[in-house]
Amino acid sequence: MYLTTEKKQEIFAKHGKSNADTGSAEGQVALFTYRINHLTEHLKVNRKDFNTEKSLVRLVGKRKALLDYLKNKDIERYRAIIAELGLRK
């Protein structure tokens, strides 16, 4: 599997307060970004996998909602996570 428990803990440790901080918006956005990148690569090879395409669209929507929440709540944290993950917005 592409996303192991160790990989999740590494993502949350890097972008959250600790590796057990799964509830922070930054950690969730980082996890969604990792999953979005993986699904994008999968869809480049498997163009007709429509279930994965639907899941990808759903994940992008969830990430956008979290980023909008973060932008309204604390603009500095929003700018930091955008710069750190290299997202365009």
PDB file of N, CA and C in Angstrom:
ATOM      1  N   MET A   1       0.845  -1.178   0.000  1.00  0.00           N
ATOM      2  CA  MET A   1       0.000   0.000   0.000  1.00  0.00           C
ATOM      3  C   MET A   1       0.892   1.244   0.000  1.00  0.00           C
ATOM      4  N   TYR A   2       0.425   2.263  -0.657  1.00  0.00           N
ATOM      5  CA  TYR A   2       1.250   3.453  -0.818  1.00  0.00           C
ATOM      6  C   TYR A   2       1.290   4.325   0.426  1.00  0.00           C
ATOM      7  N   LEU A   3       0.295   4.233   1.287  1.00  0.00           N
ATOM      8  CA  LEU A   3       0.227   5.106   2.456  1.00  0.00           C
ATOM      9  C   LEU A   3       0.235   4.245   3.723  1.00  0.00           C
ATOM     10  N   THR A   4       1.399   4.058   4.289  1.00  0.00           N
ATOM     11  CA  THR A   4       1.528   3.249   5.491  1.00  0.00           C
ATOM     12  C   THR A   4       1.356   4.135   6.725  1.00  0.00           C
ATOM     13  N   THR A   5       1.250   3.498   7.858  1.00  0.00           N
ATOM     14  CA  THR A   5       1.116   4.225   9.118  1.00  0.00           C
ATOM     15  C   THR A   5       2.343   5.087   9.375  1.00  0.00           C
ATOM     16  N   GLU A   6       3.513   4.563   9.035  1.00  0.00           N
ATOM     17  CA  GLU A   6       4.747   5.329   9.243  1.00  0.00           C
ATOM     18  C   GLU A   6       4.770   6.582   8.370  1.00  0.00           C
ATOM     19  N   LYS A   7       4.281   6.448   7.128  1.00  0.00           N
ATOM     20  CA  LYS A   7       4.260   7.594   6.216  1.00  0.00           C
ATOM     21  C   LYS A   7       3.284   8.662   6.727  1.00  0.00           C
ATOM     22  N   LYS A   8       2.134   8.235   7.241  1.00  0.00           N
ATOM     23  CA  LYS A   8       1.172   9.185   7.809  1.00  0.00           C
ATOM     24  C   LYS A   8       1.783   9.919   9.002  1.00  0.00           C
ATOM     25  N   GLN A   9       2.446   9.166   9.887  1.00  0.00           N
ATOM     26  CA  GLN A   9       3.060   9.787  11.048  1.00  0.00           C
ATOM     27  C   GLN A   9       4.142  10.769  10.633  1.00  0.00           C
ATOM     28  N   GLU A  10       4.886  10.439   9.584  1.00  0.00           N
ATOM     29  CA  GLU A  10       5.920  11.339   9.074  1.00  0.00           C
ATOM     30  C   GLU A  10       5.304  12.635   8.531  1.00  0.00           C
ATOM     31  N   ILE A  11       4.192  12.514   7.805  1.00  0.00           N
ATOM     32  CA  ILE A  11       3.520  13.700   7.256  1.00  0.00           C
ATOM     33  C   ILE A  11       3.000  14.576   8.394  1.00  0.00           C
ATOM     34  N   PHE A  12       2.345  13.959   9.383  1.00  0.00           N
ATOM     35  CA  PHE A  12       1.797  14.732  10.493  1.00  0.00           C
ATOM     36  C   PHE A  12       2.895  15.336  11.366  1.00  0.00           C
ATOM     37  N   ALA A  13       4.016  14.637  11.506  1.00  0.00           N
ATOM     38  CA  ALA A  13       5.119  15.182  12.296  1.00  0.00           C
ATOM     39  C   ALA A  13       5.733  16.388  11.598  1.00  0.00           C
ATOM     40  N   LYS A  14       5.808  16.347  10.293  1.00  0.00           N
ATOM     41  CA  LYS A  14       6.425  17.434   9.532  1.00  0.00           C
ATOM     42  C   LYS A  14       5.522  18.661   9.466  1.00  0.00           C
ATOM     43  N   HIS A  15       4.216  18.458   9.304  1.00  0.00           N
ATOM     44  CA  HIS A  15       3.312  19.577   9.074  1.00  0.00           C
ATOM     45  C   HIS A  15       2.409  19.893  10.261  1.00  0.00           C
ATOM     46  N   GLY A  16       2.337  19.011  11.242  1.00  0.00           N
ATOM     47  CA  GLY A  16       1.520  19.261  12.417  1.00  0.00           C
ATOM     48  C   GLY A  16       2.397  19.592  13.610  1.00  0.00           C
ATOM     49  N   LYS A  17       1.804  19.522  14.796  1.00  0.00           N
ATOM     50  CA  LYS A  17       2.575  19.788  16.010  1.00  0.00           C
ATOM     51  C   LYS A  17       3.348  18.552  16.454  1.00  0.00           C
ATOM     52  N   SER A  18       2.794  17.359  16.185  1.00  0.00           N
ATOM     53  CA  SER A  18       3.465  16.099  16.507  1.00  0.00           C
ATOM     54  C   SER A  18       2.960  15.037  15.543  1.00  0.00           C
ATOM     55  N   ASN A  19       3.516  13.835  15.642  1.00  0.00           N
ATOM     56  CA  ASN A  19       3.070  12.789  14.727  1.00  0.00           C
ATOM     57  C   ASN A  19       1.691  12.248  15.087  1.00  0.00           C
ATOM     58  N   ALA A  20       1.182  12.565  16.281  1.00  0.00           N
ATOM     59  CA  ALA A  20      -0.151  12.150  16.686  1.00  0.00           C
ATOM     60  C   ALA A  20      -1.176  13.261  16.482  1.00  0.00           C
ATOM     61  N   ASP A  21      -0.757  14.402  15.954  1.00  0.00           N
ATOM     62  CA  ASP A  21      -1.645  15.549  15.752  1.00  0.00           C
ATOM     63  C   ASP A  21      -2.355  15.417  14.408  1.00  0.00           C
ATOM     64  N   THR A  22      -3.337  14.511  14.354  1.00  0.00           N
ATOM     65  CA  THR A  22      -4.032  14.249  13.100  1.00  0.00           C
ATOM     66  C   THR A  22      -5.178  15.215  12.847  1.00  0.00           C
ATOM     67  N   GLY A  23      -5.503  16.049  13.804  1.00  0.00           N
ATOM     68  CA  GLY A  23      -6.654  16.930  13.666  1.00  0.00           C
ATOM     69  C   GLY A  23      -6.333  18.314  13.168  1.00  0.00           C
ATOM     70  N   SER A  24      -5.068  18.692  13.121  1.00  0.00           N
ATOM     71  CA  SER A  24      -4.735  20.043  12.684  1.00  0.00           C
ATOM     72  C   SER A  24      -5.026  20.204  11.197  1.00  0.00           C
ATOM     73  N   ALA A  25      -5.433  21.384  10.817  1.00  0.00           N
ATOM     74  CA  ALA A  25      -5.764  21.649   9.425  1.00  0.00           C
ATOM     75  C   ALA A  25      -4.539  21.492   8.533  1.00  0.00           C
ATOM     76  N   GLU A  26      -3.370  21.911   9.021  1.00  0.00           N
ATOM     77  CA  GLU A  26      -2.157  21.802   8.214  1.00  0.00           C
ATOM     78  C   GLU A  26      -1.808  20.334   7.933  1.00  0.00           C
ATOM     79  N   GLY A  27      -1.930  19.496   8.950  1.00  0.00           N
ATOM     80  CA  GLY A  27      -1.641  18.080   8.773  1.00  0.00           C
ATOM     81  C   GLY A  27      -2.604  17.424   7.801  1.00  0.00           C
ATOM     82  N   GLN A  28      -3.886  17.766   7.904  1.00  0.00           N
ATOM     83  CA  GLN A  28      -4.871  17.195   7.006  1.00  0.00           C
ATOM     84  C   GLN A  28      -4.655  17.656   5.572  1.00  0.00           C
ATOM     85  N   VAL A  29      -4.319  18.941   5.391  1.00  0.00           N
ATOM     86  CA  VAL A  29      -4.052  19.452   4.042  1.00  0.00           C
ATOM     87  C   VAL A  29      -2.832  18.751   3.452  1.00  0.00           C
ATOM     88  N   ALA A  30      -1.809  18.528   4.262  1.00  0.00           N
ATOM     89  CA  ALA A  30      -0.610  17.835   3.779  1.00  0.00           C
ATOM     90  C   ALA A  30      -0.932  16.400   3.393  1.00  0.00           C
ATOM     91  N   LEU A  31      -1.753  15.723   4.183  1.00  0.00           N
ATOM     92  CA  LEU A  31      -2.137  14.351   3.870  1.00  0.00           C
ATOM     93  C   LEU A  31      -2.966  14.309   2.594  1.00  0.00           C
ATOM     94  N   PHE A  32      -3.934  15.212   2.452  1.00  0.00           N
ATOM     95  CA  PHE A  32      -4.736  15.276   1.238  1.00  0.00           C
ATOM     96  C   PHE A  32      -3.862  15.551   0.019  1.00  0.00           C
ATOM     97  N   THR A  33      -2.863  16.425   0.161  1.00  0.00           N
ATOM     98  CA  THR A  33      -1.971  16.742  -0.949  1.00  0.00           C
ATOM     99  C   THR A  33      -1.173  15.516  -1.360  1.00  0.00           C
ATOM    100  N   TYR A  34      -0.688  14.760  -0.390  1.00  0.00           N
ATOM    101  CA  TYR A  34       0.056  13.532  -0.690  1.00  0.00           C
ATOM    102  C   TYR A  34      -0.836  12.548  -1.448  1.00  0.00           C
ATOM    103  N   ARG A  35      -2.066  12.376  -0.976  1.00  0.00           N
ATOM    104  CA  ARG A  35      -2.993  11.451  -1.623  1.00  0.00           C
ATOM    105  C   ARG A  35      -3.390  11.938  -3.012  1.00  0.00           C
ATOM    106  N   ILE A  36      -3.587  13.250  -3.168  1.00  0.00           N
ATOM    107  CA  ILE A  36      -3.940  13.817  -4.474  1.00  0.00           C
ATOM    108  C   ILE A  36      -2.811  13.587  -5.475  1.00  0.00           C
ATOM    109  N   ASN A  37      -1.580  13.786  -5.053  1.00  0.00           N
ATOM    110  CA  ASN A  37      -0.442  13.557  -5.941  1.00  0.00           C
ATOM    111  C   ASN A  37      -0.358  12.093  -6.367  1.00  0.00           C
ATOM    112  N   HIS A  38      -0.609  11.189  -5.424  1.00  0.00           N
ATOM    113  CA  HIS A  38      -0.572   9.765  -5.744  1.00  0.00           C
ATOM    114  C   HIS A  38      -1.676   9.400  -6.742  1.00  0.00           C
ATOM    115  N   LEU A  39      -2.893   9.882  -6.514  1.00  0.00           N
ATOM    116  CA  LEU A  39      -3.998   9.562  -7.415  1.00  0.00           C
ATOM    117  C   LEU A  39      -3.803  10.186  -8.791  1.00  0.00           C
ATOM    118  N   THR A  40      -3.181  11.350  -8.842  1.00  0.00           N
ATOM    119  CA  THR A  40      -2.906  11.991 -10.127  1.00  0.00           C
ATOM    120  C   THR A  40      -1.953  11.134 -10.952  1.00  0.00           C
ATOM    121  N   GLU A  41      -0.912  10.610 -10.308  1.00  0.00           N
ATOM    122  CA  GLU A  41       0.023   9.733 -11.014  1.00  0.00           C
ATOM    123  C   GLU A  41      -0.676   8.451 -11.471  1.00  0.00           C
ATOM    124  N   HIS A  42      -1.567   7.923 -10.649  1.00  0.00           N
ATOM    125  CA  HIS A  42      -2.315   6.720 -11.008  1.00  0.00           C
ATOM    126  C   HIS A  42      -3.186   6.977 -12.235  1.00  0.00           C
ATOM    127  N   LEU A  43      -3.830   8.134 -12.279  1.00  0.00           N
ATOM    128  CA  LEU A  43      -4.722   8.441 -13.393  1.00  0.00           C
ATOM    129  C   LEU A  43      -3.968   8.745 -14.687  1.00  0.00           C
ATOM    130  N   LYS A  44      -2.711   9.135 -14.585  1.00  0.00           N
ATOM    131  CA  LYS A  44      -1.923   9.332 -15.799  1.00  0.00           C
ATOM    132  C   LYS A  44      -1.715   7.999 -16.521  1.00  0.00           C
ATOM    133  N   VAL A  45      -1.606   6.914 -15.758  1.00  0.00           N
ATOM    134  CA  VAL A  45      -1.405   5.589 -16.337  1.00  0.00           C
ATOM    135  C   VAL A  45      -2.742   4.942 -16.680  1.00  0.00           C
ATOM    136  N   ASN A  46      -3.729   5.062 -15.792  1.00  0.00           N
ATOM    137  CA  ASN A  46      -5.041   4.418 -15.945  1.00  0.00           C
ATOM    138  C   ASN A  46      -6.100   5.475 -16.235  1.00  0.00           C
ATOM    139  N   ARG A  47      -6.191   5.857 -17.479  1.00  0.00           N
ATOM    140  CA  ARG A  47      -7.058   6.984 -17.856  1.00  0.00           C
ATOM    141  C   ARG A  47      -8.549   6.692 -17.678  1.00  0.00           C
ATOM    142  N   LYS A  48      -8.951   5.448 -17.738  1.00  0.00           N
ATOM    143  CA  LYS A  48     -10.375   5.118 -17.681  1.00  0.00           C
ATOM    144  C   LYS A  48     -10.852   4.695 -16.300  1.00  0.00           C
ATOM    145  N   ASP A  49     -10.065   4.936 -15.284  1.00  0.00           N
ATOM    146  CA  ASP A  49     -10.437   4.592 -13.914  1.00  0.00           C
ATOM    147  C   ASP A  49     -11.292   5.717 -13.343  1.00  0.00           C
ATOM    148  N   PHE A  50     -12.591   5.659 -13.612  1.00  0.00           N
ATOM    149  CA  PHE A  50     -13.481   6.752 -13.267  1.00  0.00           C
ATOM    150  C   PHE A  50     -13.775   6.827 -11.777  1.00  0.00           C
ATOM    151  N   ASN A  51     -13.711   5.702 -11.073  1.00  0.00           N
ATOM    152  CA  ASN A  51     -13.911   5.734  -9.622  1.00  0.00           C
ATOM    153  C   ASN A  51     -12.783   6.501  -8.939  1.00  0.00           C
ATOM    154  N   THR A  52     -11.564   6.297  -9.398  1.00  0.00           N
ATOM    155  CA  THR A  52     -10.438   7.036  -8.839  1.00  0.00           C
ATOM    156  C   THR A  52     -10.545   8.514  -9.179  1.00  0.00           C
ATOM    157  N   GLU A  53     -11.018   8.802 -10.380  1.00  0.00           N
ATOM    158  CA  GLU A  53     -11.193  10.197 -10.782  1.00  0.00           C
ATOM    159  C   GLU A  53     -12.209  10.902  -9.880  1.00  0.00           C
ATOM    160  N   LYS A  54     -13.288  10.205  -9.557  1.00  0.00           N
ATOM    161  CA  LYS A  54     -14.304  10.766  -8.666  1.00  0.00           C
ATOM    162  C   LYS A  54     -13.727  10.984  -7.260  1.00  0.00           C
ATOM    163  N   SER A  55     -12.931  10.030  -6.788  1.00  0.00           N
ATOM    164  CA  SER A  55     -12.286  10.172  -5.479  1.00  0.00           C
ATOM    165  C   SER A  55     -11.317  11.340  -5.464  1.00  0.00           C
ATOM    166  N   LEU A  56     -10.603  11.534  -6.567  1.00  0.00           N
ATOM    167  CA  LEU A  56      -9.665  12.645  -6.676  1.00  0.00           C
ATOM    168  C   LEU A  56     -10.392  13.980  -6.606  1.00  0.00           C
ATOM    169  N   VAL A  57     -11.496  14.102  -7.311  1.00  0.00           N
ATOM    170  CA  VAL A  57     -12.273  15.347  -7.288  1.00  0.00           C
ATOM    171  C   VAL A  57     -12.792  15.616  -5.880  1.00  0.00           C
ATOM    172  N   ARG A  58     -13.229  14.565  -5.187  1.00  0.00           N
ATOM    173  CA  ARG A  58     -13.736  14.711  -3.823  1.00  0.00           C
ATOM    174  C   ARG A  58     -12.619  15.180  -2.880  1.00  0.00           C
ATOM    175  N   LEU A  59     -11.418  14.606  -3.032  1.00  0.00           N
ATOM    176  CA  LEU A  59     -10.286  15.002  -2.188  1.00  0.00           C
ATOM    177  C   LEU A  59      -9.874  16.446  -2.442  1.00  0.00           C
ATOM    178  N   VAL A  60      -9.872  16.858  -3.697  1.00  0.00           N
ATOM    179  CA  VAL A  60      -9.528  18.240  -4.014  1.00  0.00           C
ATOM    180  C   VAL A  60     -10.530  19.193  -3.374  1.00  0.00           C
ATOM    181  N   GLY A  61     -11.806  18.822  -3.383  1.00  0.00           N
ATOM    182  CA  GLY A  61     -12.836  19.650  -2.741  1.00  0.00           C
ATOM    183  C   GLY A  61     -12.646  19.741  -1.239  1.00  0.00           C
ATOM    184  N   LYS A  62     -12.298  18.618  -0.610  1.00  0.00           N
ATOM    185  CA  LYS A  62     -12.055  18.626   0.833  1.00  0.00           C
ATOM    186  C   LYS A  62     -10.859  19.499   1.179  1.00  0.00           C
ATOM    187  N   ARG A  63      -9.788  19.385   0.366  1.00  0.00           N
ATOM    188  CA  ARG A  63      -8.600  20.202   0.623  1.00  0.00           C
ATOM    189  C   ARG A  63      -8.911  21.677   0.445  1.00  0.00           C
ATOM    190  N   LYS A  64      -9.692  22.008  -0.571  1.00  0.00           N
ATOM    191  CA  LYS A  64     -10.061  23.402  -0.805  1.00  0.00           C
ATOM    192  C   LYS A  64     -10.880  23.949   0.359  1.00  0.00           C
ATOM    193  N   ALA A  65     -11.797  23.144   0.885  1.00  0.00           N
ATOM    194  CA  ALA A  65     -12.604  23.577   2.019  1.00  0.00           C
ATOM    195  C   ALA A  65     -11.726  23.824   3.246  1.00  0.00           C
ATOM    196  N   LEU A  66     -10.775  22.941   3.503  1.00  0.00           N
ATOM    197  CA  LEU A  66      -9.867  23.131   4.636  1.00  0.00           C
ATOM    198  C   LEU A  66      -9.001  24.370   4.451  1.00  0.00           C
ATOM    199  N   LEU A  67      -8.528  24.592   3.223  1.00  0.00           N
ATOM    200  CA  LEU A  67      -7.712  25.782   2.963  1.00  0.00           C
ATOM    201  C   LEU A  67      -8.534  27.061   3.114  1.00  0.00           C
ATOM    202  N   ASP A  68      -9.791  27.034   2.683  1.00  0.00           N
ATOM    203  CA  ASP A  68     -10.662  28.203   2.865  1.00  0.00           C
ATOM    204  C   ASP A  68     -10.893  28.477   4.348  1.00  0.00           C
ATOM    205  N   TYR A  69     -11.106  27.411   5.127  1.00  0.00           N
ATOM    206  CA  TYR A  69     -11.276  27.558   6.571  1.00  0.00           C
ATOM    207  C   TYR A  69     -10.029  28.178   7.187  1.00  0.00           C
ATOM    208  N   LEU A  70      -8.870  27.674   6.789  1.00  0.00           N
ATOM    209  CA  LEU A  70      -7.613  28.151   7.340  1.00  0.00           C
ATOM    210  C   LEU A  70      -7.370  29.610   6.947  1.00  0.00           C
ATOM    211  N   LYS A  71      -7.741  29.972   5.718  1.00  0.00           N
ATOM    212  CA  LYS A  71      -7.558  31.349   5.264  1.00  0.00           C
ATOM    213  C   LYS A  71      -8.426  32.303   6.073  1.00  0.00           C
ATOM    214  N   ASN A  72      -9.649  31.898   6.392  1.00  0.00           N
ATOM    215  CA  ASN A  72     -10.541  32.754   7.171  1.00  0.00           C
ATOM    216  C   ASN A  72     -10.156  32.795   8.646  1.00  0.00           C
ATOM    217  N   LYS A  73      -9.592  31.709   9.153  1.00  0.00           N
ATOM    218  CA  LYS A  73      -9.272  31.609  10.570  1.00  0.00           C
ATOM    219  C   LYS A  73      -7.936  32.269  10.913  1.00  0.00           C
ATOM    220  N   ASP A  74      -6.883  31.928  10.147  1.00  0.00           N
ATOM    221  CA  ASP A  74      -5.548  32.446  10.442  1.00  0.00           C
ATOM    222  C   ASP A  74      -4.753  32.520   9.135  1.00  0.00           C
ATOM    223  N   ILE A  75      -4.646  33.718   8.583  1.00  0.00           N
ATOM    224  CA  ILE A  75      -4.046  33.909   7.267  1.00  0.00           C
ATOM    225  C   ILE A  75      -2.564  33.546   7.252  1.00  0.00           C
ATOM    226  N   GLU A  76      -1.868  33.710   8.367  1.00  0.00           N
ATOM    227  CA  GLU A  76      -0.436  33.386   8.406  1.00  0.00           C
ATOM    228  C   GLU A  76      -0.206  31.878   8.298  1.00  0.00           C
ATOM    229  N   ARG A  77      -1.013  31.085   8.998  1.00  0.00           N
ATOM    230  CA  ARG A  77      -0.905  29.632   8.897  1.00  0.00           C
ATOM    231  C   ARG A  77      -1.244  29.173   7.481  1.00  0.00           C
ATOM    232  N   TYR A  78      -2.232  29.824   6.875  1.00  0.00           N
ATOM    233  CA  TYR A  78      -2.617  29.517   5.502  1.00  0.00           C
ATOM    234  C   TYR A  78      -1.458  29.775   4.544  1.00  0.00           C
ATOM    235  N   ARG A  79      -0.849  30.942   4.658  1.00  0.00           N
ATOM    236  CA  ARG A  79       0.265  31.281   3.772  1.00  0.00           C
ATOM    237  C   ARG A  79       1.448  30.348   3.979  1.00  0.00           C
ATOM    238  N   ALA A  80       1.680  29.948   5.236  1.00  0.00           N
ATOM    239  CA  ALA A  80       2.799  29.053   5.536  1.00  0.00           C
ATOM    240  C   ALA A  80       2.588  27.679   4.902  1.00  0.00           C
ATOM    241  N   ILE A  81       1.388  27.126   5.012  1.00  0.00           N
ATOM    242  CA  ILE A  81       1.146  25.788   4.469  1.00  0.00           C
ATOM    243  C   ILE A  81       1.139  25.806   2.943  1.00  0.00           C
ATOM    244  N   ILE A  82       0.653  26.887   2.347  1.00  0.00           N
ATOM    245  CA  ILE A  82       0.666  27.014   0.884  1.00  0.00           C
ATOM    246  C   ILE A  82       2.113  27.039   0.380  1.00  0.00           C
ATOM    247  N   ALA A  83       2.951  27.823   1.045  1.00  0.00           N
ATOM    248  CA  ALA A  83       4.354  27.912   0.633  1.00  0.00           C
ATOM    249  C   ALA A  83       5.087  26.599   0.874  1.00  0.00           C
ATOM    250  N   GLU A  84       4.795  25.950   1.990  1.00  0.00           N
ATOM    251  CA  GLU A  84       5.492  24.722   2.356  1.00  0.00           C
ATOM    252  C   GLU A  84       5.167  23.573   1.399  1.00  0.00           C
ATOM    253  N   LEU A  85       3.896  23.485   0.985  1.00  0.00           N
ATOM    254  CA  LEU A  85       3.487  22.395   0.105  1.00  0.00           C
ATOM    255  C   LEU A  85       3.633  22.757  -1.373  1.00  0.00           C
ATOM    256  N   GLY A  86       3.859  24.025  -1.653  1.00  0.00           N
ATOM    257  CA  GLY A  86       4.021  24.446  -3.048  1.00  0.00           C
ATOM    258  C   GLY A  86       2.718  24.452  -3.819  1.00  0.00           C
ATOM    259  N   LEU A  87       1.627  24.784  -3.129  1.00  0.00           N
ATOM    260  CA  LEU A  87       0.332  24.829  -3.795  1.00  0.00           C
ATOM    261  C   LEU A  87       0.113  26.196  -4.439  1.00  0.00           C
ATOM    262  N   ARG A  88      -0.541  26.204  -5.561  1.00  0.00           N
ATOM    263  CA  ARG A  88      -0.900  27.465  -6.209  1.00  0.00           C
ATOM    264  C   ARG A  88      -2.285  27.855  -5.733  1.00  0.00           C
ATOM    265  N   LYS A  89      -2.482  29.113  -5.485  1.00  0.00           N
ATOM    266  CA  LYS A  89      -3.816  29.563  -5.111  1.00  0.00           C
ATOM    267  C   LYS A  89      -3.920  31.046  -5.319  1.00  0.00           C
TER     268      LYS A  89
END
